[in-house]
Amino acid sequence: GTSMKDWAHVNAMASTYKVTLRNDSDATALLAIQGEQAIKVLQKLTDVDLDTIPYYTFLEGTLAGVKMIISRTGYTGEKGIELYFSSEEKTASQVWDAIFEAGASEKIEPIGLGARDTLRLEMGYCLYGNDIDETTNPLEAGLGWITKLKKTPASIAHAALVKQKEDGLKRKLVGFMIDERGAIARHGHKIYDATGQEIGVVTSGTMSPTLGKAIGLAYVPTELAKPDHEITIEIRPGKRAVAKTAKIPFIARDTK
């Protein structure tokens, strides 16, 4: 899985430092409490002032009587907090029960990764293994903002990314929308231009519950990576649907 790729990577990088690594993945549980009421609900369970945690940062504190990492993050595009704590059954049950009791008046509900996937896609967030992997780079994926190419010390990928930027990107990740009812593009579906030439591939696709339309992400040649370009997508053998490139995020949400 992804965690083992990460583990192998950090071990390879650690060989040049005096550092000891420990893989705590299996011993750690994660809950992502997301939505307009998330901070209000969790504040009932902790003395940590959750409103003071800046977006995309974390701290260590006690919540529901359990010491944990409290992170001002999430992958739904909504306001939210992610909690990292011991996956020991007694501890995990204690935290779960406390959150659902605290959120009962706000009608908190458990959801799975399928729901998270539609929400992150509506925001145009990349999913590792779908939209980004070892064959892609952050610049073509629209993630230049996290590469910090002007920052020193430089990252291990700095030289390669600077060169790619100077050479110019040949493809970019773009959103698309399909108006045709019942036509949903999925990961791996091929994309064609107006002349019928294959130009790219769908990396993620779903039915947007908010928009009531099929949406997705795809890599296309840079010149087509602007909104309102017409493309066709092979949604099954012999069946193509017309789509239009679209600006991402597909909808606006208040993440902060």
C-alpha atoms as a PDB file:
ATOM      1  CA  GLY A   1       0.000   0.000   0.000  1.00  0.00           C
ATOM      2  CA  THR A   2       0.870   3.693   0.013  1.00  0.00           C
ATOM      3  CA  SER A   3       2.116   3.563   3.621  1.00  0.00           C
ATOM      4  CA  MET A   4       4.736   0.939   2.688  1.00  0.00           C
ATOM      5  CA  LYS A   5       5.877   3.104  -0.261  1.00  0.00           C
ATOM      6  CA  ASP A   6       6.242   6.026   2.154  1.00  0.00           C
ATOM      7  CA  TRP A   7       8.083   3.831   4.658  1.00  0.00           C
ATOM      8  CA  ALA A   8      10.544   2.608   2.022  1.00  0.00           C
ATOM      9  CA  HIS A   9      11.083   6.190   0.808  1.00  0.00           C
ATOM     10  CA  VAL A  10      11.796   7.734   4.220  1.00  0.00           C
ATOM     11  CA  ASN A  11      14.126   4.845   5.078  1.00  0.00           C
ATOM     12  CA  ALA A  12      16.085   5.444   1.885  1.00  0.00           C
ATOM     13  CA  MET A  13      16.310   9.172   2.651  1.00  0.00           C
ATOM     14  CA  ALA A  14      17.203   8.598   6.321  1.00  0.00           C
ATOM     15  CA  SER A  15      20.455   6.812   5.534  1.00  0.00           C
ATOM     16  CA  THR A  16      22.261  10.160   5.274  1.00  0.00           C
ATOM     17  CA  TYR A  17      21.030  11.399   8.680  1.00  0.00           C
ATOM     18  CA  LYS A  18      21.514  10.362  12.297  1.00  0.00           C
ATOM     19  CA  VAL A  19      17.916   9.382  12.872  1.00  0.00           C
ATOM     20  CA  THR A  20      15.923   6.382  14.074  1.00  0.00           C
ATOM     21  CA  LEU A  21      12.612   5.649  12.357  1.00  0.00           C
ATOM     22  CA  ARG A  22       9.590   3.808  13.731  1.00  0.00           C
ATOM     23  CA  ASN A  23       6.512   2.842  11.689  1.00  0.00           C
ATOM     24  CA  ASP A  24       3.459   3.556  13.849  1.00  0.00           C
ATOM     25  CA  SER A  25       0.877   3.180  11.069  1.00  0.00           C
ATOM     26  CA  ASP A  26      -0.838   0.048  12.401  1.00  0.00           C
ATOM     27  CA  ALA A  27      -0.889   1.409  15.957  1.00  0.00           C
ATOM     28  CA  THR A  28      -2.589   4.652  14.889  1.00  0.00           C
ATOM     29  CA  ALA A  29      -6.266   5.325  14.258  1.00  0.00           C
ATOM     30  CA  LEU A  30      -7.492   8.325  12.259  1.00  0.00           C
ATOM     31  CA  LEU A  31     -10.882  10.012  12.339  1.00  0.00           C
ATOM     32  CA  ALA A  32     -11.724  12.945  10.056  1.00  0.00           C
ATOM     33  CA  ILE A  33     -14.572  15.042  11.452  1.00  0.00           C
ATOM     34  CA  GLN A  34     -15.692  17.293   8.616  1.00  0.00           C
ATOM     35  CA  GLY A  35     -18.388  19.898   8.005  1.00  0.00           C
ATOM     36  CA  GLU A  36     -19.628  23.270   9.189  1.00  0.00           C
ATOM     37  CA  GLN A  37     -20.222  22.034  12.759  1.00  0.00           C
ATOM     38  CA  ALA A  38     -17.042  19.944  13.123  1.00  0.00           C
ATOM     39  CA  ILE A  39     -15.074  22.371  15.296  1.00  0.00           C
ATOM     40  CA  LYS A  40     -18.108  23.256  17.403  1.00  0.00           C
ATOM     41  CA  VAL A  41     -18.787  19.576  18.145  1.00  0.00           C
ATOM     42  CA  LEU A  42     -15.189  18.661  18.961  1.00  0.00           C
ATOM     43  CA  GLN A  43     -14.715  21.746  21.143  1.00  0.00           C
ATOM     44  CA  LYS A  44     -17.100  20.124  23.659  1.00  0.00           C
ATOM     45  CA  LEU A  45     -14.502  17.384  24.201  1.00  0.00           C
ATOM     46  CA  THR A  46     -11.256  19.328  24.629  1.00  0.00           C
ATOM     47  CA  ASP A  47      -9.644  22.296  26.426  1.00  0.00           C
ATOM     48  CA  VAL A  48      -7.543  23.002  23.308  1.00  0.00           C
ATOM     49  CA  ASP A  49      -8.912  26.089  21.535  1.00  0.00           C
ATOM     50  CA  LEU A  50      -9.535  24.483  18.147  1.00  0.00           C
ATOM     51  CA  ASP A  51     -10.278  27.797  16.440  1.00  0.00           C
ATOM     52  CA  THR A  52      -6.700  28.924  17.040  1.00  0.00           C
ATOM     53  CA  ILE A  53      -5.129  26.034  15.079  1.00  0.00           C
ATOM     54  CA  PRO A  54      -4.154  27.456  11.663  1.00  0.00           C
ATOM     55  CA  TYR A  55      -5.306  25.577   8.556  1.00  0.00           C
ATOM     56  CA  TYR A  56      -2.895  22.793   7.567  1.00  0.00           C
ATOM     57  CA  THR A  57      -1.151  22.692  10.962  1.00  0.00           C
ATOM     58  CA  PHE A  58      -1.486  20.407  13.968  1.00  0.00           C
ATOM     59  CA  LEU A  59      -0.724  20.192  17.670  1.00  0.00           C
ATOM     60  CA  GLU A  60      -0.738  17.573  20.416  1.00  0.00           C
ATOM     61  CA  GLY A  61      -3.499  17.708  23.000  1.00  0.00           C
ATOM     62  CA  THR A  62      -6.147  15.757  24.868  1.00  0.00           C
ATOM     63  CA  LEU A  63      -9.605  15.193  23.401  1.00  0.00           C
ATOM     64  CA  ALA A  64     -12.279  12.876  24.845  1.00  0.00           C
ATOM     65  CA  GLY A  65      -9.779  12.056  27.592  1.00  0.00           C
ATOM     66  CA  VAL A  66      -7.222  10.699  25.116  1.00  0.00           C
ATOM     67  CA  LYS A  67      -3.831  12.190  24.189  1.00  0.00           C
ATOM     68  CA  MET A  68      -3.655  12.630  20.431  1.00  0.00           C
ATOM     69  CA  ILE A  69      -2.558  14.699  17.448  1.00  0.00           C
ATOM     70  CA  ILE A  70      -5.236  17.251  16.544  1.00  0.00           C
ATOM     71  CA  SER A  71      -4.828  18.383  12.946  1.00  0.00           C
ATOM     72  CA  ARG A  72      -6.641  21.252  11.174  1.00  0.00           C
ATOM     73  CA  THR A  73      -6.940  19.281   7.966  1.00  0.00           C
ATOM     74  CA  GLY A  74      -9.288  17.107   5.937  1.00  0.00           C
ATOM     75  CA  TYR A  75      -9.883  16.030   2.376  1.00  0.00           C
ATOM     76  CA  THR A  76     -13.505  16.998   1.838  1.00  0.00           C
ATOM     77  CA  GLY A  77     -13.175  20.730   1.174  1.00  0.00           C
ATOM     78  CA  GLU A  78     -15.218  21.385   4.306  1.00  0.00           C
ATOM     79  CA  LYS A  79     -14.167  22.781   7.654  1.00  0.00           C
ATOM     80  CA  GLY A  80     -12.725  20.012   9.723  1.00  0.00           C
ATOM     81  CA  ILE A  81     -10.320  18.386  12.114  1.00  0.00           C
ATOM     82  CA  GLU A  82      -8.437  15.109  11.821  1.00  0.00           C
ATOM     83  CA  LEU A  83      -7.569  13.141  14.957  1.00  0.00           C
ATOM     84  CA  TYR A  84      -4.655  10.688  15.250  1.00  0.00           C
ATOM     85  CA  PHE A  85      -4.647   8.431  18.323  1.00  0.00           C
ATOM     86  CA  SER A  86      -4.009   4.891  19.530  1.00  0.00           C
ATOM     87  CA  SER A  87      -5.832   2.229  17.524  1.00  0.00           C
ATOM     88  CA  GLU A  88      -6.159   0.063  20.632  1.00  0.00           C
ATOM     89  CA  GLU A  89      -9.795  -1.054  20.601  1.00  0.00           C
ATOM     90  CA  LYS A  90     -10.732   0.391  23.998  1.00  0.00           C
ATOM     91  CA  THR A  91      -9.208   3.796  23.205  1.00  0.00           C
ATOM     92  CA  ALA A  92     -10.643   4.003  19.678  1.00  0.00           C
ATOM     93  CA  SER A  93     -14.126   3.063  20.920  1.00  0.00           C
ATOM     94  CA  GLN A  94     -13.912   5.680  23.661  1.00  0.00           C
ATOM     95  CA  VAL A  95     -13.082   8.451  21.172  1.00  0.00           C
ATOM     96  CA  TRP A  96     -15.685   7.299  18.618  1.00  0.00           C
ATOM     97  CA  ASP A  97     -18.483   7.108  21.205  1.00  0.00           C
ATOM     98  CA  ALA A  98     -17.598  10.495  22.704  1.00  0.00           C
ATOM     99  CA  ILE A  99     -17.654  12.219  19.298  1.00  0.00           C
ATOM    100  CA  PHE A 100     -21.004  10.749  18.305  1.00  0.00           C
ATOM    101  CA  GLU A 101     -22.504  11.666  21.668  1.00  0.00           C
ATOM    102  CA  ALA A 102     -21.142  15.242  21.405  1.00  0.00           C
ATOM    103  CA  GLY A 103     -22.427  15.549  17.825  1.00  0.00           C
ATOM    104  CA  ALA A 104     -25.875  14.031  18.323  1.00  0.00           C
ATOM    105  CA  SER A 105     -27.592  17.431  18.501  1.00  0.00           C
ATOM    106  CA  GLU A 106     -25.883  18.462  15.235  1.00  0.00           C
ATOM    107  CA  LYS A 107     -26.942  15.146  13.601  1.00  0.00           C
ATOM    108  CA  ILE A 108     -23.400  13.883  13.064  1.00  0.00           C
ATOM    109  CA  GLU A 109     -23.211  10.798  10.828  1.00  0.00           C
ATOM    110  CA  PRO A 110     -20.523   8.242   9.962  1.00  0.00           C
ATOM    111  CA  ILE A 111     -19.502   8.180   6.307  1.00  0.00           C
ATOM    112  CA  GLY A 112     -17.045   6.036   4.370  1.00  0.00           C
ATOM    113  CA  LEU A 113     -14.288   6.713   1.880  1.00  0.00           C
ATOM    114  CA  GLY A 114     -16.740   6.604  -1.046  1.00  0.00           C
ATOM    115  CA  ALA A 115     -18.386   9.807   0.218  1.00  0.00           C
ATOM    116  CA  ARG A 116     -15.007  11.384   0.916  1.00  0.00           C
ATOM    117  CA  ASP A 117     -13.984  10.544  -2.647  1.00  0.00           C
ATOM    118  CA  THR A 118     -16.913  12.443  -4.223  1.00  0.00           C
ATOM    119  CA  LEU A 119     -16.287  15.443  -1.964  1.00  0.00           C
ATOM    120  CA  ARG A 120     -12.548  15.650  -2.686  1.00  0.00           C
ATOM    121  CA  LEU A 121     -13.230  15.301  -6.407  1.00  0.00           C
ATOM    122  CA  GLU A 122     -15.732  18.181  -6.341  1.00  0.00           C
ATOM    123  CA  MET A 123     -12.846  20.239  -4.912  1.00  0.00           C
ATOM    124  CA  GLY A 124     -10.383  18.976  -7.533  1.00  0.00           C
ATOM    125  CA  TYR A 125      -8.157  17.452  -4.846  1.00  0.00           C
ATOM    126  CA  CYS A 126      -5.710  14.818  -6.132  1.00  0.00           C
ATOM    127  CA  LEU A 127      -5.872  11.220  -4.913  1.00  0.00           C
ATOM    128  CA  TYR A 128      -2.572   9.359  -4.797  1.00  0.00           C
ATOM    129  CA  GLY A 129      -2.652   6.318  -7.058  1.00  0.00           C
ATOM    130  CA  ASN A 130      -5.264   7.949  -9.303  1.00  0.00           C
ATOM    131  CA  ASP A 131      -4.351  11.542 -10.154  1.00  0.00           C
ATOM    132  CA  ILE A 132      -0.751  11.509  -8.934  1.00  0.00           C
ATOM    133  CA  ASP A 133       1.793   8.682  -8.814  1.00  0.00           C
ATOM    134  CA  GLU A 134       5.396   7.923  -9.781  1.00  0.00           C
ATOM    135  CA  THR A 135       4.658   8.811 -13.421  1.00  0.00           C
ATOM    136  CA  THR A 136       3.364  12.345 -12.733  1.00  0.00           C
ATOM    137  CA  ASN A 137       4.985  15.488 -11.394  1.00  0.00           C
ATOM    138  CA  PRO A 138       3.533  18.124  -9.024  1.00  0.00           C
ATOM    139  CA  LEU A 139       3.658  20.923 -11.602  1.00  0.00           C
ATOM    140  CA  GLU A 140       1.497  19.193 -14.197  1.00  0.00           C
ATOM    141  CA  ALA A 141      -0.857  18.100 -11.392  1.00  0.00           C
ATOM    142  CA  GLY A 142      -1.421  21.744 -10.393  1.00  0.00           C
ATOM    143  CA  LEU A 143       0.480  21.270  -7.136  1.00  0.00           C
ATOM    144  CA  GLY A 144       3.195  23.844  -7.781  1.00  0.00           C
ATOM    145  CA  TRP A 145       2.115  25.679  -4.608  1.00  0.00           C
ATOM    146  CA  ILE A 146       3.557  22.901  -2.418  1.00  0.00           C
ATOM    147  CA  THR A 147       6.871  22.524  -4.267  1.00  0.00           C
ATOM    148  CA  LYS A 148       8.267  25.872  -3.037  1.00  0.00           C
ATOM    149  CA  LEU A 149      10.889  26.069  -5.781  1.00  0.00           C
ATOM    150  CA  LYS A 150      12.287  29.388  -4.478  1.00  0.00           C
ATOM    151  CA  LYS A 151      12.775  28.088  -0.957  1.00  0.00           C
ATOM    152  CA  THR A 152      16.147  27.002   0.460  1.00  0.00           C
ATOM    153  CA  PRO A 153      17.317  24.459   1.365  1.00  0.00           C
ATOM    154  CA  ALA A 154      15.968  22.876  -1.794  1.00  0.00           C
ATOM    155  CA  SER A 155      14.001  19.619  -1.812  1.00  0.00           C
ATOM    156  CA  ILE A 156      15.403  16.428  -3.342  1.00  0.00           C
ATOM    157  CA  ALA A 157      13.262  17.010  -6.449  1.00  0.00           C
ATOM    158  CA  HIS A 158      14.236  20.671  -6.826  1.00  0.00           C
ATOM    159  CA  ALA A 159      16.579  20.393  -9.821  1.00  0.00           C
ATOM    160  CA  ALA A 160      14.236  18.092 -11.756  1.00  0.00           C
ATOM    161  CA  LEU A 161      11.213  20.333 -11.170  1.00  0.00           C
ATOM    162  CA  VAL A 162      13.060  23.531 -12.092  1.00  0.00           C
ATOM    163  CA  LYS A 163      14.147  21.886 -15.364  1.00  0.00           C
ATOM    164  CA  GLN A 164      10.593  20.739 -16.117  1.00  0.00           C
ATOM    165  CA  LYS A 165       9.297  24.230 -15.467  1.00  0.00           C
ATOM    166  CA  GLU A 166      11.915  25.762 -17.777  1.00  0.00           C
ATOM    167  CA  ASP A 167      11.284  23.165 -20.523  1.00  0.00           C
ATOM    168  CA  GLY A 168       7.523  23.754 -20.315  1.00  0.00           C
ATOM    169  CA  LEU A 169       4.840  21.270 -19.304  1.00  0.00           C
ATOM    170  CA  LYS A 170       3.470  19.064 -22.062  1.00  0.00           C
ATOM    171  CA  ARG A 171       0.322  18.072 -20.171  1.00  0.00           C
ATOM    172  CA  LYS A 172      -1.756  19.315 -17.277  1.00  0.00           C
ATOM    173  CA  LEU A 173      -4.411  17.974 -14.963  1.00  0.00           C
ATOM    174  CA  VAL A 174      -7.782  19.523 -15.759  1.00  0.00           C
ATOM    175  CA  GLY A 175     -11.355  19.116 -14.611  1.00  0.00           C
ATOM    176  CA  PHE A 176     -14.149  18.051 -16.926  1.00  0.00           C
ATOM    177  CA  MET A 177     -17.927  17.824 -16.793  1.00  0.00           C
ATOM    178  CA  ILE A 178     -20.362  15.621 -18.752  1.00  0.00           C
ATOM    179  CA  ASP A 179     -23.925  16.791 -19.367  1.00  0.00           C
ATOM    180  CA  GLU A 180     -25.179  13.545 -20.886  1.00  0.00           C
ATOM    181  CA  ARG A 181     -27.402  11.677 -18.421  1.00  0.00           C
ATOM    182  CA  GLY A 182     -26.050   8.359 -17.186  1.00  0.00           C
ATOM    183  CA  ALA A 183     -22.611   8.904 -18.717  1.00  0.00           C
ATOM    184  CA  ILE A 184     -19.953   8.658 -16.005  1.00  0.00           C
ATOM    185  CA  ALA A 185     -16.231   8.623 -16.780  1.00  0.00           C
ATOM    186  CA  ARG A 186     -13.959   6.484 -14.632  1.00  0.00           C
ATOM    187  CA  HIS A 187     -10.238   6.090 -13.956  1.00  0.00           C
ATOM    188  CA  GLY A 188      -8.440   4.815 -17.059  1.00  0.00           C
ATOM    189  CA  HIS A 189     -11.043   5.882 -19.653  1.00  0.00           C
ATOM    190  CA  LYS A 190      -9.457   7.283 -22.820  1.00  0.00           C
ATOM    191  CA  ILE A 191      -9.988  10.874 -23.972  1.00  0.00           C
ATOM    192  CA  TYR A 192     -10.159  12.123 -27.575  1.00  0.00           C
ATOM    193  CA  ASP A 193     -10.078  15.579 -29.166  1.00  0.00           C
ATOM    194  CA  ALA A 194     -12.487  16.949 -31.782  1.00  0.00           C
ATOM    195  CA  THR A 195     -10.606  15.147 -34.583  1.00  0.00           C
ATOM    196  CA  GLY A 196     -10.862  11.780 -32.834  1.00  0.00           C
ATOM    197  CA  GLN A 197      -7.203  11.642 -31.828  1.00  0.00           C
ATOM    198  CA  GLU A 198      -6.439  10.100 -28.423  1.00  0.00           C
ATOM    199  CA  ILE A 199      -5.024  12.856 -26.219  1.00  0.00           C
ATOM    200  CA  GLY A 200      -5.236  11.727 -22.623  1.00  0.00           C
ATOM    201  CA  VAL A 201      -6.733   9.588 -19.903  1.00  0.00           C
ATOM    202  CA  VAL A 202      -9.226  10.029 -17.072  1.00  0.00           C
ATOM    203  CA  THR A 203      -7.589   9.816 -13.645  1.00  0.00           C
ATOM    204  CA  SER A 204     -10.715  10.201 -11.466  1.00  0.00           C
ATOM    205  CA  GLY A 205     -14.419  10.339 -12.247  1.00  0.00           C
ATOM    206  CA  THR A 206     -17.694  10.218 -10.364  1.00  0.00           C
ATOM    207  CA  MET A 207     -21.244  11.546 -10.211  1.00  0.00           C
ATOM    208  CA  SER A 208     -21.178  14.795  -8.274  1.00  0.00           C
ATOM    209  CA  PRO A 209     -23.944  14.673  -5.646  1.00  0.00           C
ATOM    210  CA  THR A 210     -23.852  18.472  -5.306  1.00  0.00           C
ATOM    211  CA  LEU A 211     -24.043  19.280  -9.026  1.00  0.00           C
ATOM    212  CA  GLY A 212     -26.037  16.252 -10.182  1.00  0.00           C
ATOM    213  CA  LYS A 213     -23.560  15.854 -13.074  1.00  0.00           C
ATOM    214  CA  ALA A 214     -20.675  13.542 -13.908  1.00  0.00           C
ATOM    215  CA  ILE A 215     -17.327  15.191 -13.171  1.00  0.00           C
ATOM    216  CA  GLY A 216     -13.710  14.116 -13.256  1.00  0.00           C
ATOM    217  CA  LEU A 217     -10.025  14.899 -13.582  1.00  0.00           C
ATOM    218  CA  ALA A 218      -7.811  14.075 -16.552  1.00  0.00           C
ATOM    219  CA  TYR A 219      -4.389  14.766 -18.009  1.00  0.00           C
ATOM    220  CA  VAL A 220      -4.640  16.519 -21.379  1.00  0.00           C
ATOM    221  CA  PRO A 221      -2.134  18.440 -23.559  1.00  0.00           C
ATOM    222  CA  THR A 222      -1.331  21.831 -22.023  1.00  0.00           C
ATOM    223  CA  GLU A 223      -3.057  23.769 -24.821  1.00  0.00           C
ATOM    224  CA  LEU A 224      -6.371  22.047 -23.961  1.00  0.00           C
ATOM    225  CA  ALA A 225      -6.016  22.557 -20.215  1.00  0.00           C
ATOM    226  CA  LYS A 226      -8.278  25.608 -20.132  1.00  0.00           C
ATOM    227  CA  PRO A 227     -12.022  25.606 -19.376  1.00  0.00           C
ATOM    228  CA  ASP A 228     -14.664  24.981 -22.057  1.00  0.00           C
ATOM    229  CA  HIS A 229     -12.664  22.819 -24.467  1.00  0.00           C
ATOM    230  CA  GLU A 230     -14.834  20.067 -25.927  1.00  0.00           C
ATOM    231  CA  ILE A 231     -13.451  16.545 -25.567  1.00  0.00           C
ATOM    232  CA  THR A 232     -14.944  13.069 -25.890  1.00  0.00           C
ATOM    233  CA  ILE A 233     -14.457  10.241 -23.401  1.00  0.00           C
ATOM    234  CA  GLU A 234     -14.829   6.539 -24.089  1.00  0.00           C
ATOM    235  CA  ILE A 235     -17.022   5.543 -21.141  1.00  0.00           C
ATOM    236  CA  ARG A 236     -17.315   1.953 -22.397  1.00  0.00           C
ATOM    237  CA  PRO A 237     -16.231   0.089 -25.551  1.00  0.00           C
ATOM    238  CA  GLY A 238     -17.877   1.743 -28.560  1.00  0.00           C
ATOM    239  CA  LYS A 239     -19.619   4.408 -26.454  1.00  0.00           C
ATOM    240  CA  ARG A 240     -18.217   7.932 -26.225  1.00  0.00           C
ATOM    241  CA  ALA A 241     -19.677  10.854 -24.301  1.00  0.00           C
ATOM    242  CA  VAL A 242     -19.078  14.541 -24.952  1.00  0.00           C
ATOM    243  CA  ALA A 243     -17.453  16.450 -22.103  1.00  0.00           C
ATOM    244  CA  LYS A 244     -16.145  19.954 -21.533  1.00  0.00           C
ATOM    245  CA  THR A 245     -13.024  20.887 -19.634  1.00  0.00           C
ATOM    246  CA  ALA A 246     -13.902  22.788 -16.472  1.00  0.00           C
ATOM    247  CA  LYS A 247     -12.289  25.010 -13.882  1.00  0.00           C
ATOM    248  CA  ILE A 248     -11.523  23.357 -10.563  1.00  0.00           C
ATOM    249  CA  PRO A 249     -12.710  23.381  -7.858  1.00  0.00           C
ATOM    250  CA  PHE A 250     -16.068  22.486  -9.382  1.00  0.00           C
ATOM    251  CA  ILE A 251     -17.829  24.077  -6.389  1.00  0.00           C
ATOM    252  CA  ALA A 252     -16.779  26.513  -3.689  1.00  0.00           C
ATOM    253  CA  ARG A 253     -16.566  25.416  -0.075  1.00  0.00           C
ATOM    254  CA  ASP A 254     -15.254  27.166   3.022  1.00  0.00           C
ATOM    255  CA  THR A 255     -12.294  25.056   4.157  1.00  0.00           C
ATOM    256  CA  LYS A 256     -11.051  27.592   6.700  1.00  0.00           C
END
